Amino acid sequence: GNEARNNLMARLDSAKVNLERIAQMKSKLVSDNNKPELMEMDIKTLEEEHGTLLSDIAGEAEYLQSLQHQIEKLEGISHVIKCVCGQEYKVEVSLSA
């Protein structure tokens, strides 16, 4: 769970850096060319990138939730096993760190 969250946060941070880089390139492009059609094109690119990032984040959150549910199911597994010697042993899954 924590590793997946850390991966998600790293991807989010990377996406923020990319978004900032795109914003800086947009600003430079606008100041260099000052052409409305170029500015409009770059805004559309930023909007598309933003939409893609939001979609990725939603997908990652859904995946993390799915992993959490799987972990909870695994932690619920428990069996009593009887040895041929007569001794009984309780076997269960524990995923604590």
C-alpha atoms as a PDB file:
ATOM      1  CA  GLY A   1       0.000   0.000   0.000  1.00  0.00           C
ATOM      2  CA  ASN A   2       2.646   2.544   1.016  1.00  0.00           C
ATOM      3  CA  GLU A   3       4.894   1.728  -1.928  1.00  0.00           C
ATOM      4  CA  ALA A   4       2.000   2.160  -4.339  1.00  0.00           C
ATOM      5  CA  ARG A   5       1.089   5.476  -2.680  1.00  0.00           C
ATOM      6  CA  ASN A   6       4.716   6.608  -2.890  1.00  0.00           C
ATOM      7  CA  ASN A   7       4.784   5.677  -6.583  1.00  0.00           C
ATOM      8  CA  LEU A   8       1.589   7.643  -7.139  1.00  0.00           C
ATOM      9  CA  MET A   9       2.985  10.662  -5.311  1.00  0.00           C
ATOM     10  CA  ALA A  10       6.224  10.449  -7.314  1.00  0.00           C
ATOM     11  CA  ARG A  11       4.239  10.320 -10.559  1.00  0.00           C
ATOM     12  CA  LEU A  12       2.111  13.241  -9.394  1.00  0.00           C
ATOM     13  CA  ASP A  13       5.218  15.277  -8.530  1.00  0.00           C
ATOM     14  CA  SER A  14       6.714  14.428 -11.918  1.00  0.00           C
ATOM     15  CA  ALA A  15       3.492  15.480 -13.623  1.00  0.00           C
ATOM     16  CA  LYS A  16       3.522  18.781 -11.721  1.00  0.00           C
ATOM     17  CA  VAL A  17       7.105  19.402 -12.854  1.00  0.00           C
ATOM     18  CA  ASN A  18       6.105  18.624 -16.453  1.00  0.00           C
ATOM     19  CA  LEU A  19       3.106  20.933 -16.185  1.00  0.00           C
ATOM     20  CA  GLU A  20       5.324  23.717 -14.820  1.00  0.00           C
ATOM     21  CA  ARG A  21       7.803  23.131 -17.648  1.00  0.00           C
ATOM     22  CA  ILE A  22       4.991  23.334 -20.200  1.00  0.00           C
ATOM     23  CA  ALA A  23       3.720  26.543 -18.577  1.00  0.00           C
ATOM     24  CA  GLN A  24       7.219  28.043 -18.802  1.00  0.00           C
ATOM     25  CA  MET A  25       7.514  27.010 -22.455  1.00  0.00           C
ATOM     26  CA  LYS A  26       4.084  28.554 -23.107  1.00  0.00           C
ATOM     27  CA  SER A  27       5.153  31.803 -21.496  1.00  0.00           C
ATOM     28  CA  LYS A  28       8.371  31.892 -23.535  1.00  0.00           C
ATOM     29  CA  LEU A  29       6.523  31.039 -26.732  1.00  0.00           C
ATOM     30  CA  VAL A  30       3.984  33.805 -26.141  1.00  0.00           C
ATOM     31  CA  SER A  31       6.615  36.390 -25.293  1.00  0.00           C
ATOM     32  CA  ASP A  32       8.825  35.357 -28.243  1.00  0.00           C
ATOM     33  CA  ASN A  33       6.082  35.292 -30.830  1.00  0.00           C
ATOM     34  CA  ASN A  34       3.139  37.120 -29.290  1.00  0.00           C
ATOM     35  CA  LYS A  35       0.796  35.482 -31.816  1.00  0.00           C
ATOM     36  CA  PRO A  36      -2.740  34.708 -30.554  1.00  0.00           C
ATOM     37  CA  GLU A  37      -3.032  31.499 -32.588  1.00  0.00           C
ATOM     38  CA  LEU A  38       0.178  30.113 -31.035  1.00  0.00           C
ATOM     39  CA  MET A  39      -1.027  31.034 -27.554  1.00  0.00           C
ATOM     40  CA  GLU A  40      -4.382  29.345 -28.210  1.00  0.00           C
ATOM     41  CA  MET A  41      -2.630  26.217 -29.512  1.00  0.00           C
ATOM     42  CA  ASP A  42      -0.417  26.034 -26.409  1.00  0.00           C
ATOM     43  CA  ILE A  43      -3.386  26.519 -24.074  1.00  0.00           C
ATOM     44  CA  LYS A  44      -5.119  23.598 -25.775  1.00  0.00           C
ATOM     45  CA  THR A  45      -1.977  21.498 -25.279  1.00  0.00           C
ATOM     46  CA  LEU A  46      -1.921  22.420 -21.588  1.00  0.00           C
ATOM     47  CA  GLU A  47      -5.610  21.591 -21.219  1.00  0.00           C
ATOM     48  CA  GLU A  48      -5.083  18.204 -22.890  1.00  0.00           C
ATOM     49  CA  GLU A  49      -2.075  17.465 -20.669  1.00  0.00           C
ATOM     50  CA  HIS A  50      -4.067  18.480 -17.582  1.00  0.00           C
ATOM     51  CA  GLY A  51      -6.948  16.205 -18.590  1.00  0.00           C
ATOM     52  CA  THR A  52      -4.551  13.321 -19.158  1.00  0.00           C
ATOM     53  CA  LEU A  53      -2.928  13.850 -15.754  1.00  0.00           C
ATOM     54  CA  LEU A  54      -6.301  13.956 -13.990  1.00  0.00           C
ATOM     55  CA  SER A  55      -7.299  10.738 -15.734  1.00  0.00           C
ATOM     56  CA  ASP A  56      -4.005   9.073 -14.720  1.00  0.00           C
ATOM     57  CA  ILE A  57      -4.441  10.186 -11.108  1.00  0.00           C
ATOM     58  CA  ALA A  58      -8.019   8.855 -10.999  1.00  0.00           C
ATOM     59  CA  GLY A  59      -6.842   5.538 -12.458  1.00  0.00           C
ATOM     60  CA  GLU A  60      -4.012   5.264  -9.932  1.00  0.00           C
ATOM     61  CA  ALA A  61      -6.365   6.043  -7.032  1.00  0.00           C
ATOM     62  CA  GLU A  62      -8.773   3.354  -8.235  1.00  0.00           C
ATOM     63  CA  TYR A  63      -5.876   0.883  -8.543  1.00  0.00           C
ATOM     64  CA  LEU A  64      -4.658   1.698  -5.000  1.00  0.00           C
ATOM     65  CA  GLN A  65      -8.163   1.176  -3.640  1.00  0.00           C
ATOM     66  CA  SER A  66      -8.338  -2.175  -5.436  1.00  0.00           C
ATOM     67  CA  LEU A  67      -5.001  -3.203  -3.897  1.00  0.00           C
ATOM     68  CA  GLN A  68      -6.228  -2.204  -0.450  1.00  0.00           C
ATOM     69  CA  HIS A  69      -9.336  -4.379  -0.866  1.00  0.00           C
ATOM     70  CA  GLN A  70      -7.165  -7.321  -1.971  1.00  0.00           C
ATOM     71  CA  ILE A  71      -4.919  -6.850   1.078  1.00  0.00           C
ATOM     72  CA  GLU A  72      -7.958  -6.797   3.373  1.00  0.00           C
ATOM     73  CA  LYS A  73      -9.224 -10.050   1.809  1.00  0.00           C
ATOM     74  CA  LEU A  74      -5.822 -11.714   2.255  1.00  0.00           C
ATOM     75  CA  GLU A  75      -5.598 -10.622   5.880  1.00  0.00           C
ATOM     76  CA  GLY A  76      -8.924 -12.367   6.513  1.00  0.00           C
ATOM     77  CA  ILE A  77      -7.553 -15.799   5.534  1.00  0.00           C
ATOM     78  CA  SER A  78      -7.218 -18.146   8.523  1.00  0.00           C
ATOM     79  CA  HIS A  79      -7.201 -21.979   8.802  1.00  0.00           C
ATOM     80  CA  VAL A  80      -6.780 -24.505  11.592  1.00  0.00           C
ATOM     81  CA  ILE A  81      -4.571 -27.419  10.533  1.00  0.00           C
ATOM     82  CA  LYS A  82      -4.425 -30.650  12.533  1.00  0.00           C
ATOM     83  CA  CYS A  83      -1.081 -32.422  12.572  1.00  0.00           C
ATOM     84  CA  VAL A  84      -0.927 -36.245  12.449  1.00  0.00           C
ATOM     85  CA  CYS A  85       0.489 -36.018  15.995  1.00  0.00           C
ATOM     86  CA  GLY A  86      -2.813 -34.535  17.155  1.00  0.00           C
ATOM     87  CA  GLN A  87      -1.563 -30.970  17.632  1.00  0.00           C
ATOM     88  CA  GLU A  88      -3.656 -28.206  16.010  1.00  0.00           C
ATOM     89  CA  TYR A  89      -2.063 -25.153  14.420  1.00  0.00           C
ATOM     90  CA  LYS A  90      -3.795 -21.960  13.368  1.00  0.00           C
ATOM     91  CA  VAL A  91      -2.403 -20.606  10.106  1.00  0.00           C
ATOM     92  CA  GLU A  92      -3.310 -17.080   9.045  1.00  0.00           C
ATOM     93  CA  VAL A  93      -2.082 -14.392   6.705  1.00  0.00           C
ATOM     94  CA  SER A  94      -0.506 -11.346   8.332  1.00  0.00           C
ATOM     95  CA  LEU A  95       0.719  -8.541   6.108  1.00  0.00           C
ATOM     96  CA  SER A  96       1.892  -6.152   8.801  1.00  0.00           C
ATOM     97  CA  ALA A  97       5.227  -4.532   8.130  1.00  0.00           C
END
